[in-house]
Structures are given as C-alpha cells and as structure tokens.
Amino acid sequence: MNLNQLYYFKELAKERQFSKAAKNLYISQPSLSNFIKSLEKELNCQLINRNGGQITLTEYGKIFYEAAITSINSIEKSKIDIANYKRKEENIIKIASIPTAMSSYLPRIISEYKQTNKIQPKFYCYSDCSNNIYQNLEEGKIDIGICSKKVTTLI
C-alpha cells in the first residue's frame, strides 16, 4: 500500500464516480480503477460497490475510508508542522496579503519592524485573495495574513 492509494481512495469516496475522481487527480480512469483493484487485492476485501457510473462504499470501504482520512490528515499536519518548524529555525516569517496592502501598507510595516527590532527575520510575502489567505492561516501555511474581510473566529 502506498500513500497515493490513500489519496486516490479518498477522492473516489468523495466523488462517488471513477471519471470525476480521476479527473480531479489528473490521472486516467483506468489507472484509478487499477489502483483501487490493487488496494482491494492487498486488503483482501471489496472496498466499493460498482453500480454503473456510481460507486458506494462497502462496510469494509467505510472502515478503510476512516483509516485513510485519519492517516492523510496526520501526514498533512506533519507536513505543515515541519514547514513551520523550518521557517522558525531559519527565522522566516511568511506573510500573505491582499494586493492593495501588499503595495502600500505591508512594506511600511516591515520597514518599521526592522528599524525597531534587533532580530531581523526574512520576510517572504506574496499576494492572494482573502479566502485563500484565511484558509492558509487556518492550515498554518503562513504566519501573518492581511485580508479584506472581517473574520469572526480565529484559531
């Protein structure tokens, strides 16, 4: 079993169609089908019921889906934790900002920070839309986000 099979199974379970899942995964439908058959052979059980164009999870599939989601979430969290630790270790602050703040507000704030602090981190800045900035903040992919919409809950 490999990590791709977990991601592929997760996408198939979400889309409930081989063609849609394969398209989202940027692989061919026969490749996805072969990955799932290989996974079923390795686990020695049927994970999905194939009914024409639609699939449903078997009871085994439901059990495996929960394990796949837990594993994927754990791996994704560890990737973020490693990236955050590397940024901290390398004294990097990653900032995402809406374009208007990127060109005016942000350079001034960074300049003021550098003038008043002994520690001189490296600032990596990029512009994005508010929804993506908020999502990246939630996922821990950036340290600071400057958005244009009011957020009522923070992590």
N, C-alpha and C. Protein backbone atom coordinates (compact mmCIF):
# COMPACT_ATOMS: atom_id res chain seq x y z
N MET A 1 0.85 -1.17 0.00
CA MET A 1 0.00 0.00 0.00
C MET A 1 0.89 1.24 0.00
N ASN A 2 0.47 2.24 -0.76
CA ASN A 2 1.24 3.48 -0.77
C ASN A 2 0.32 4.66 -0.52
N LEU A 3 0.95 5.79 -0.27
CA LEU A 3 0.20 7.00 0.07
C LEU A 3 -0.74 7.43 -1.05
N ASN A 4 -0.31 7.29 -2.29
CA ASN A 4 -1.18 7.66 -3.41
C ASN A 4 -2.50 6.90 -3.37
N GLN A 5 -2.44 5.63 -3.01
CA GLN A 5 -3.67 4.85 -2.95
C GLN A 5 -4.63 5.43 -1.92
N LEU A 6 -4.11 5.93 -0.81
CA LEU A 6 -4.97 6.55 0.20
C LEU A 6 -5.64 7.80 -0.36
N TYR A 7 -4.85 8.65 -1.02
CA TYR A 7 -5.40 9.86 -1.62
C TYR A 7 -6.41 9.52 -2.72
N TYR A 8 -6.09 8.53 -3.52
CA TYR A 8 -6.99 8.14 -4.60
C TYR A 8 -8.30 7.59 -4.05
N PHE A 9 -8.20 6.74 -3.03
CA PHE A 9 -9.40 6.17 -2.43
C PHE A 9 -10.26 7.27 -1.81
N LYS A 10 -9.62 8.20 -1.14
CA LYS A 10 -10.35 9.32 -0.52
C LYS A 10 -11.12 10.11 -1.59
N GLU A 11 -10.46 10.42 -2.70
CA GLU A 11 -11.10 11.20 -3.76
C GLU A 11 -12.24 10.42 -4.39
N LEU A 12 -12.05 9.13 -4.60
CA LEU A 12 -13.10 8.30 -5.18
C LEU A 12 -14.31 8.24 -4.24
N ALA A 13 -14.06 8.09 -2.96
CA ALA A 13 -15.15 8.04 -1.99
C ALA A 13 -15.91 9.36 -1.97
N LYS A 14 -15.18 10.47 -2.12
CA LYS A 14 -15.80 11.80 -2.12
C LYS A 14 -16.65 12.01 -3.37
N GLU A 15 -16.11 11.69 -4.54
CA GLU A 15 -16.79 11.95 -5.81
C GLU A 15 -17.82 10.89 -6.18
N ARG A 16 -17.61 9.68 -5.71
CA ARG A 16 -18.52 8.56 -5.99
C ARG A 16 -18.61 8.19 -7.47
N GLN A 17 -17.62 8.64 -8.25
CA GLN A 17 -17.53 8.29 -9.67
C GLN A 17 -16.06 8.21 -10.06
N PHE A 18 -15.71 7.14 -10.76
CA PHE A 18 -14.32 6.99 -11.21
C PHE A 18 -13.89 8.13 -12.11
N SER A 19 -14.76 8.50 -13.05
CA SER A 19 -14.36 9.52 -14.03
C SER A 19 -14.10 10.87 -13.36
N LYS A 20 -14.97 11.30 -12.45
CA LYS A 20 -14.78 12.58 -11.76
C LYS A 20 -13.53 12.54 -10.86
N ALA A 21 -13.39 11.45 -10.12
CA ALA A 21 -12.23 11.33 -9.22
C ALA A 21 -10.93 11.33 -10.02
N ALA A 22 -10.89 10.58 -11.11
CA ALA A 22 -9.69 10.51 -11.94
C ALA A 22 -9.36 11.89 -12.51
N LYS A 23 -10.36 12.61 -12.95
CA LYS A 23 -10.14 13.96 -13.48
C LYS A 23 -9.54 14.86 -12.40
N ASN A 24 -10.08 14.83 -11.19
CA ASN A 24 -9.58 15.64 -10.08
C ASN A 24 -8.15 15.27 -9.70
N LEU A 25 -7.81 14.01 -9.89
CA LEU A 25 -6.48 13.52 -9.53
C LEU A 25 -5.47 13.64 -10.68
N TYR A 26 -5.94 14.05 -11.85
CA TYR A 26 -5.09 14.19 -13.04
C TYR A 26 -4.47 12.86 -13.46
N ILE A 27 -5.28 11.81 -13.35
CA ILE A 27 -4.87 10.50 -13.84
C ILE A 27 -5.99 9.95 -14.70
N SER A 28 -5.71 8.89 -15.42
CA SER A 28 -6.76 8.30 -16.25
C SER A 28 -7.69 7.46 -15.39
N GLN A 29 -8.91 7.29 -15.89
CA GLN A 29 -9.89 6.48 -15.17
C GLN A 29 -9.41 5.02 -15.03
N PRO A 30 -8.83 4.41 -16.09
CA PRO A 30 -8.33 3.04 -15.93
C PRO A 30 -7.21 2.94 -14.88
N SER A 31 -6.36 3.97 -14.79
CA SER A 31 -5.30 3.95 -13.78
C SER A 31 -5.90 3.96 -12.37
N LEU A 32 -6.90 4.82 -12.18
CA LEU A 32 -7.55 4.88 -10.86
C LEU A 32 -8.21 3.55 -10.54
N SER A 33 -8.87 2.97 -11.51
CA SER A 33 -9.52 1.68 -11.31
C SER A 33 -8.49 0.61 -10.93
N ASN A 34 -7.35 0.62 -11.60
CA ASN A 34 -6.30 -0.35 -11.28
C ASN A 34 -5.73 -0.14 -9.88
N PHE A 35 -5.56 1.12 -9.49
CA PHE A 35 -5.07 1.40 -8.13
C PHE A 35 -6.04 0.86 -7.08
N ILE A 36 -7.33 1.06 -7.30
CA ILE A 36 -8.34 0.60 -6.34
C ILE A 36 -8.40 -0.93 -6.32
N LYS A 37 -8.34 -1.56 -7.49
CA LYS A 37 -8.32 -3.02 -7.54
C LYS A 37 -7.10 -3.59 -6.82
N SER A 38 -5.97 -2.95 -7.01
CA SER A 38 -4.74 -3.36 -6.33
C SER A 38 -4.88 -3.24 -4.81
N LEU A 39 -5.49 -2.14 -4.38
CA LEU A 39 -5.72 -1.92 -2.96
C LEU A 39 -6.66 -2.98 -2.40
N GLU A 40 -7.73 -3.28 -3.12
CA GLU A 40 -8.68 -4.30 -2.68
C GLU A 40 -8.00 -5.67 -2.61
N LYS A 41 -7.14 -5.96 -3.58
CA LYS A 41 -6.42 -7.23 -3.58
C LYS A 41 -5.49 -7.31 -2.37
N GLU A 42 -4.79 -6.21 -2.09
CA GLU A 42 -3.87 -6.20 -0.95
C GLU A 42 -4.62 -6.36 0.37
N LEU A 43 -5.78 -5.73 0.48
CA LEU A 43 -6.57 -5.83 1.72
C LEU A 43 -7.45 -7.08 1.75
N ASN A 44 -7.52 -7.76 0.63
CA ASN A 44 -8.30 -8.99 0.51
C ASN A 44 -9.78 -8.77 0.84
N CYS A 45 -10.32 -7.67 0.34
CA CYS A 45 -11.74 -7.38 0.53
C CYS A 45 -12.19 -6.37 -0.51
N GLN A 46 -13.48 -6.31 -0.73
CA GLN A 46 -14.05 -5.35 -1.67
C GLN A 46 -14.35 -4.06 -0.90
N LEU A 47 -13.79 -2.94 -1.38
CA LEU A 47 -13.96 -1.65 -0.72
C LEU A 47 -15.13 -0.85 -1.28
N ILE A 48 -15.43 -1.09 -2.55
CA ILE A 48 -16.50 -0.34 -3.19
C ILE A 48 -17.43 -1.26 -3.96
N ASN A 49 -18.67 -0.83 -4.06
CA ASN A 49 -19.65 -1.47 -4.95
C ASN A 49 -19.69 -0.65 -6.22
N ARG A 50 -19.51 -1.33 -7.34
CA ARG A 50 -19.52 -0.66 -8.63
C ARG A 50 -20.90 -0.83 -9.26
N ASN A 51 -21.65 0.24 -9.32
CA ASN A 51 -23.00 0.21 -9.90
C ASN A 51 -23.06 1.17 -11.07
N GLY A 52 -22.74 0.70 -12.25
CA GLY A 52 -22.73 1.58 -13.42
C GLY A 52 -21.68 2.67 -13.23
N GLY A 53 -22.10 3.91 -13.33
CA GLY A 53 -21.18 5.03 -13.19
C GLY A 53 -20.97 5.46 -11.75
N GLN A 54 -21.81 5.01 -10.85
CA GLN A 54 -21.73 5.42 -9.45
C GLN A 54 -21.10 4.30 -8.61
N ILE A 55 -20.41 4.72 -7.55
CA ILE A 55 -19.88 3.72 -6.61
C ILE A 55 -20.42 4.04 -5.21
N THR A 56 -20.47 3.02 -4.40
CA THR A 56 -20.77 3.19 -2.98
C THR A 56 -19.72 2.41 -2.20
N LEU A 57 -19.49 2.83 -0.98
CA LEU A 57 -18.53 2.13 -0.13
C LEU A 57 -19.19 0.92 0.50
N THR A 58 -18.47 -0.17 0.53
CA THR A 58 -18.92 -1.34 1.28
C THR A 58 -18.65 -1.06 2.76
N GLU A 59 -19.03 -1.96 3.61
CA GLU A 59 -18.71 -1.80 5.03
C GLU A 59 -17.20 -1.79 5.24
N TYR A 60 -16.49 -2.64 4.49
CA TYR A 60 -15.02 -2.62 4.54
C TYR A 60 -14.49 -1.26 4.06
N GLY A 61 -15.12 -0.75 2.99
CA GLY A 61 -14.72 0.53 2.45
C GLY A 61 -14.90 1.66 3.45
N LYS A 62 -15.99 1.62 4.20
CA LYS A 62 -16.24 2.65 5.23
C LYS A 62 -15.17 2.60 6.32
N ILE A 63 -14.82 1.40 6.71
CA ILE A 63 -13.76 1.24 7.73
C ILE A 63 -12.44 1.77 7.18
N PHE A 64 -12.12 1.39 5.95
CA PHE A 64 -10.86 1.83 5.36
C PHE A 64 -10.86 3.33 5.12
N TYR A 65 -12.01 3.89 4.74
CA TYR A 65 -12.11 5.33 4.49
C TYR A 65 -11.74 6.11 5.76
N GLU A 66 -12.27 5.69 6.89
CA GLU A 66 -11.95 6.38 8.16
C GLU A 66 -10.45 6.31 8.45
N ALA A 67 -9.86 5.15 8.22
CA ALA A 67 -8.42 5.00 8.44
C ALA A 67 -7.63 5.85 7.45
N ALA A 68 -8.07 5.89 6.21
CA ALA A 68 -7.38 6.69 5.18
C ALA A 68 -7.43 8.17 5.54
N ILE A 69 -8.60 8.66 5.93
CA ILE A 69 -8.76 10.07 6.29
C ILE A 69 -7.86 10.41 7.48
N THR A 70 -7.86 9.57 8.49
CA THR A 70 -7.02 9.80 9.67
C THR A 70 -5.55 9.84 9.28
N SER A 71 -5.13 8.91 8.45
CA SER A 71 -3.73 8.85 8.01
C SER A 71 -3.36 10.07 7.18
N ILE A 72 -4.20 10.43 6.22
CA ILE A 72 -3.94 11.57 5.36
C ILE A 72 -3.87 12.85 6.19
N ASN A 73 -4.83 13.03 7.08
CA ASN A 73 -4.82 14.24 7.93
C ASN A 73 -3.57 14.31 8.79
N SER A 74 -3.15 13.18 9.31
CA SER A 74 -1.94 13.15 10.12
C SER A 74 -0.70 13.51 9.30
N ILE A 75 -0.62 12.98 8.10
CA ILE A 75 0.51 13.27 7.22
C ILE A 75 0.50 14.73 6.80
N GLU A 76 -0.67 15.25 6.42
CA GLU A 76 -0.76 16.65 6.02
C GLU A 76 -0.39 17.58 7.17
N LYS A 77 -0.84 17.24 8.38
CA LYS A 77 -0.49 18.05 9.55
C LYS A 77 1.01 18.01 9.81
N SER A 78 1.62 16.85 9.66
CA SER A 78 3.07 16.76 9.88
C SER A 78 3.84 17.56 8.83
N LYS A 79 3.35 17.61 7.59
CA LYS A 79 3.99 18.43 6.55
C LYS A 79 3.97 19.91 6.96
N ILE A 80 2.82 20.36 7.45
CA ILE A 80 2.69 21.75 7.89
C ILE A 80 3.57 22.01 9.10
N ASP A 81 3.57 21.09 10.05
CA ASP A 81 4.40 21.25 11.25
C ASP A 81 5.89 21.33 10.89
N ILE A 82 6.32 20.51 9.96
CA ILE A 82 7.72 20.53 9.53
C ILE A 82 8.04 21.86 8.84
N ALA A 83 7.15 22.31 7.96
CA ALA A 83 7.37 23.58 7.27
C ALA A 83 7.43 24.74 8.27
N ASN A 84 6.53 24.72 9.24
CA ASN A 84 6.54 25.77 10.26
C ASN A 84 7.82 25.74 11.09
N TYR A 85 8.26 24.56 11.46
CA TYR A 85 9.48 24.42 12.24
C TYR A 85 10.70 24.92 11.45
N LYS A 86 10.73 24.58 10.16
CA LYS A 86 11.83 25.04 9.30
C LYS A 86 11.84 26.57 9.21
N ARG A 87 10.64 27.15 9.05
CA ARG A 87 10.56 28.61 8.98
C ARG A 87 11.06 29.24 10.29
N LYS A 88 10.66 28.66 11.38
CA LYS A 88 11.10 29.18 12.69
C LYS A 88 12.61 29.04 12.83
N GLU A 89 13.13 27.90 12.46
CA GLU A 89 14.56 27.60 12.55
C GLU A 89 15.38 28.54 11.65
N GLU A 90 14.83 28.86 10.49
CA GLU A 90 15.52 29.71 9.53
C GLU A 90 15.15 31.19 9.70
N ASN A 91 14.37 31.49 10.76
CA ASN A 91 13.99 32.87 11.08
C ASN A 91 13.23 33.52 9.91
N ILE A 92 12.21 32.80 9.43
CA ILE A 92 11.41 33.26 8.30
C ILE A 92 9.99 33.55 8.78
N ILE A 93 9.46 34.66 8.33
CA ILE A 93 8.06 34.99 8.57
C ILE A 93 7.38 35.05 7.21
N LYS A 94 6.37 34.22 7.06
CA LYS A 94 5.66 34.12 5.78
C LYS A 94 4.35 34.91 5.89
N ILE A 95 4.20 35.89 4.99
CA ILE A 95 3.05 36.79 5.01
C ILE A 95 2.31 36.72 3.68
N ALA A 96 0.99 36.60 3.78
CA ALA A 96 0.14 36.70 2.59
C ALA A 96 -0.74 37.92 2.78
N SER A 97 -0.94 38.65 1.70
CA SER A 97 -1.68 39.90 1.79
C SER A 97 -2.52 40.12 0.54
N ILE A 98 -3.61 40.84 0.73
CA ILE A 98 -4.36 41.27 -0.45
C ILE A 98 -3.49 42.26 -1.22
N PRO A 99 -3.65 42.35 -2.53
CA PRO A 99 -2.76 43.20 -3.34
C PRO A 99 -2.66 44.66 -2.89
N THR A 100 -3.76 45.25 -2.47
CA THR A 100 -3.70 46.67 -2.08
C THR A 100 -2.80 46.89 -0.88
N ALA A 101 -2.84 46.01 0.10
CA ALA A 101 -1.97 46.15 1.27
C ALA A 101 -0.54 45.77 0.92
N MET A 102 -0.37 44.87 -0.04
CA MET A 102 0.96 44.43 -0.44
C MET A 102 1.78 45.58 -1.00
N SER A 103 1.14 46.46 -1.72
CA SER A 103 1.90 47.53 -2.37
C SER A 103 2.05 48.79 -1.51
N SER A 104 1.26 48.92 -0.45
CA SER A 104 1.36 50.15 0.34
C SER A 104 1.63 49.89 1.81
N TYR A 105 0.72 49.25 2.46
CA TYR A 105 0.77 49.04 3.90
C TYR A 105 1.90 48.12 4.34
N LEU A 106 2.03 47.00 3.71
CA LEU A 106 2.99 45.98 4.14
C LEU A 106 4.45 46.43 4.10
N PRO A 107 4.93 47.05 3.03
CA PRO A 107 6.33 47.49 3.03
C PRO A 107 6.65 48.45 4.18
N ARG A 108 5.70 49.33 4.49
CA ARG A 108 5.92 50.30 5.57
C ARG A 108 6.00 49.58 6.92
N ILE A 109 5.13 48.65 7.16
CA ILE A 109 5.12 47.90 8.43
C ILE A 109 6.40 47.09 8.58
N ILE A 110 6.83 46.43 7.53
CA ILE A 110 8.06 45.63 7.59
C ILE A 110 9.26 46.54 7.86
N SER A 111 9.30 47.67 7.21
CA SER A 111 10.40 48.62 7.40
C SER A 111 10.44 49.11 8.85
N GLU A 112 9.28 49.45 9.39
CA GLU A 112 9.21 49.89 10.78
C GLU A 112 9.65 48.79 11.73
N TYR A 113 9.23 47.58 11.45
CA TYR A 113 9.61 46.44 12.29
C TYR A 113 11.14 46.28 12.30
N LYS A 114 11.73 46.33 11.13
CA LYS A 114 13.19 46.14 11.01
C LYS A 114 13.95 47.24 11.75
N GLN A 115 13.42 48.46 11.77
CA GLN A 115 14.10 49.57 12.45
C GLN A 115 14.02 49.46 13.96
N THR A 116 12.99 48.80 14.48
CA THR A 116 12.79 48.78 15.93
C THR A 116 13.13 47.44 16.59
N ASN A 117 13.57 46.45 15.84
CA ASN A 117 13.85 45.14 16.42
C ASN A 117 15.26 44.67 16.07
N LYS A 118 15.88 44.05 17.06
CA LYS A 118 17.23 43.52 16.86
C LYS A 118 17.22 42.27 16.00
N ILE A 119 16.22 41.45 16.21
CA ILE A 119 16.11 40.22 15.42
C ILE A 119 15.60 40.59 14.03
N GLN A 120 16.32 40.16 13.02
CA GLN A 120 15.98 40.51 11.65
C GLN A 120 15.56 39.26 10.86
N PRO A 121 14.29 38.91 10.95
CA PRO A 121 13.85 37.73 10.19
C PRO A 121 13.80 38.03 8.69
N LYS A 122 13.72 36.96 7.93
CA LYS A 122 13.50 37.09 6.49
C LYS A 122 11.99 37.08 6.29
N PHE A 123 11.50 38.05 5.57
CA PHE A 123 10.07 38.12 5.28
C PHE A 123 9.83 37.61 3.88
N TYR A 124 8.95 36.62 3.77
CA TYR A 124 8.50 36.13 2.46
C TYR A 124 7.06 36.58 2.31
N CYS A 125 6.81 37.42 1.34
CA CYS A 125 5.49 38.00 1.14
C CYS A 125 4.95 37.63 -0.24
N TYR A 126 3.66 37.40 -0.27
CA TYR A 126 3.00 37.20 -1.56
C TYR A 126 1.56 37.67 -1.46
N SER A 127 0.99 38.01 -2.59
CA SER A 127 -0.40 38.49 -2.59
C SER A 127 -1.34 37.34 -2.96
N ASP A 128 -2.53 37.44 -2.42
CA ASP A 128 -3.54 36.42 -2.67
C ASP A 128 -4.91 37.03 -2.34
N CYS A 129 -5.96 36.29 -2.59
CA CYS A 129 -7.29 36.76 -2.24
C CYS A 129 -7.59 36.40 -0.78
N SER A 130 -8.52 37.11 -0.19
CA SER A 130 -8.82 36.94 1.24
C SER A 130 -9.18 35.51 1.61
N ASN A 131 -9.99 34.84 0.80
CA ASN A 131 -10.41 33.47 1.12
C ASN A 131 -9.20 32.53 1.22
N ASN A 132 -8.28 32.64 0.27
CA ASN A 132 -7.09 31.80 0.29
C ASN A 132 -6.19 32.14 1.47
N ILE A 133 -6.07 33.43 1.77
CA ILE A 133 -5.25 33.85 2.91
C ILE A 133 -5.80 33.27 4.19
N TYR A 134 -7.09 33.40 4.37
CA TYR A 134 -7.72 32.87 5.59
C TYR A 134 -7.53 31.36 5.69
N GLN A 135 -7.71 30.65 4.58
CA GLN A 135 -7.53 29.19 4.58
C GLN A 135 -6.09 28.83 4.93
N ASN A 136 -5.12 29.55 4.34
CA ASN A 136 -3.71 29.27 4.63
C ASN A 136 -3.36 29.58 6.07
N LEU A 137 -3.99 30.59 6.65
CA LEU A 137 -3.80 30.87 8.08
C LEU A 137 -4.33 29.71 8.92
N GLU A 138 -5.53 29.26 8.59
CA GLU A 138 -6.13 28.15 9.32
C GLU A 138 -5.27 26.89 9.24
N GLU A 139 -4.68 26.66 8.09
CA GLU A 139 -3.88 25.45 7.88
C GLU A 139 -2.44 25.61 8.36
N GLY A 140 -2.09 26.79 8.85
CA GLY A 140 -0.74 27.02 9.36
C GLY A 140 0.32 27.16 8.29
N LYS A 141 -0.08 27.46 7.06
CA LYS A 141 0.87 27.58 5.96
C LYS A 141 1.54 28.95 5.91
N ILE A 142 0.93 29.93 6.57
CA ILE A 142 1.50 31.27 6.65
C ILE A 142 1.45 31.74 8.10
N ASP A 143 2.28 32.72 8.41
CA ASP A 143 2.33 33.24 9.78
C ASP A 143 1.41 34.44 9.97
N ILE A 144 1.32 35.28 8.96
CA ILE A 144 0.52 36.50 9.03
C ILE A 144 -0.30 36.62 7.76
N GLY A 145 -1.54 37.05 7.92
CA GLY A 145 -2.40 37.28 6.77
C GLY A 145 -3.07 38.63 6.86
N ILE A 146 -3.07 39.35 5.79
CA ILE A 146 -3.75 40.64 5.73
C ILE A 146 -4.87 40.50 4.71
N CYS A 147 -6.11 40.54 5.23
CA CYS A 147 -7.29 40.27 4.41
C CYS A 147 -8.19 41.49 4.35
N SER A 148 -9.19 41.39 3.50
CA SER A 148 -10.13 42.49 3.37
C SER A 148 -11.48 42.19 3.99
N LYS A 149 -11.67 41.00 4.51
CA LYS A 149 -12.96 40.70 5.12
C LYS A 149 -12.79 40.45 6.60
N LYS A 150 -13.84 40.69 7.34
CA LYS A 150 -13.81 40.51 8.78
C LYS A 150 -13.98 39.02 9.10
N VAL A 151 -13.11 38.50 9.93
CA VAL A 151 -13.15 37.10 10.33
C VAL A 151 -13.60 37.07 11.79
N THR A 152 -14.62 36.27 12.08
CA THR A 152 -15.18 36.26 13.43
C THR A 152 -14.55 35.21 14.33
N THR A 153 -13.92 34.19 13.74
CA THR A 153 -13.28 33.17 14.56
C THR A 153 -11.84 33.02 14.16
N LEU A 154 -10.99 32.84 15.13
CA LEU A 154 -9.57 32.62 14.88
C LEU A 154 -9.16 31.33 15.55
N ILE A 155 -8.11 30.77 15.09
CA ILE A 155 -7.59 29.52 15.67
C ILE A 155 -6.77 29.83 16.89
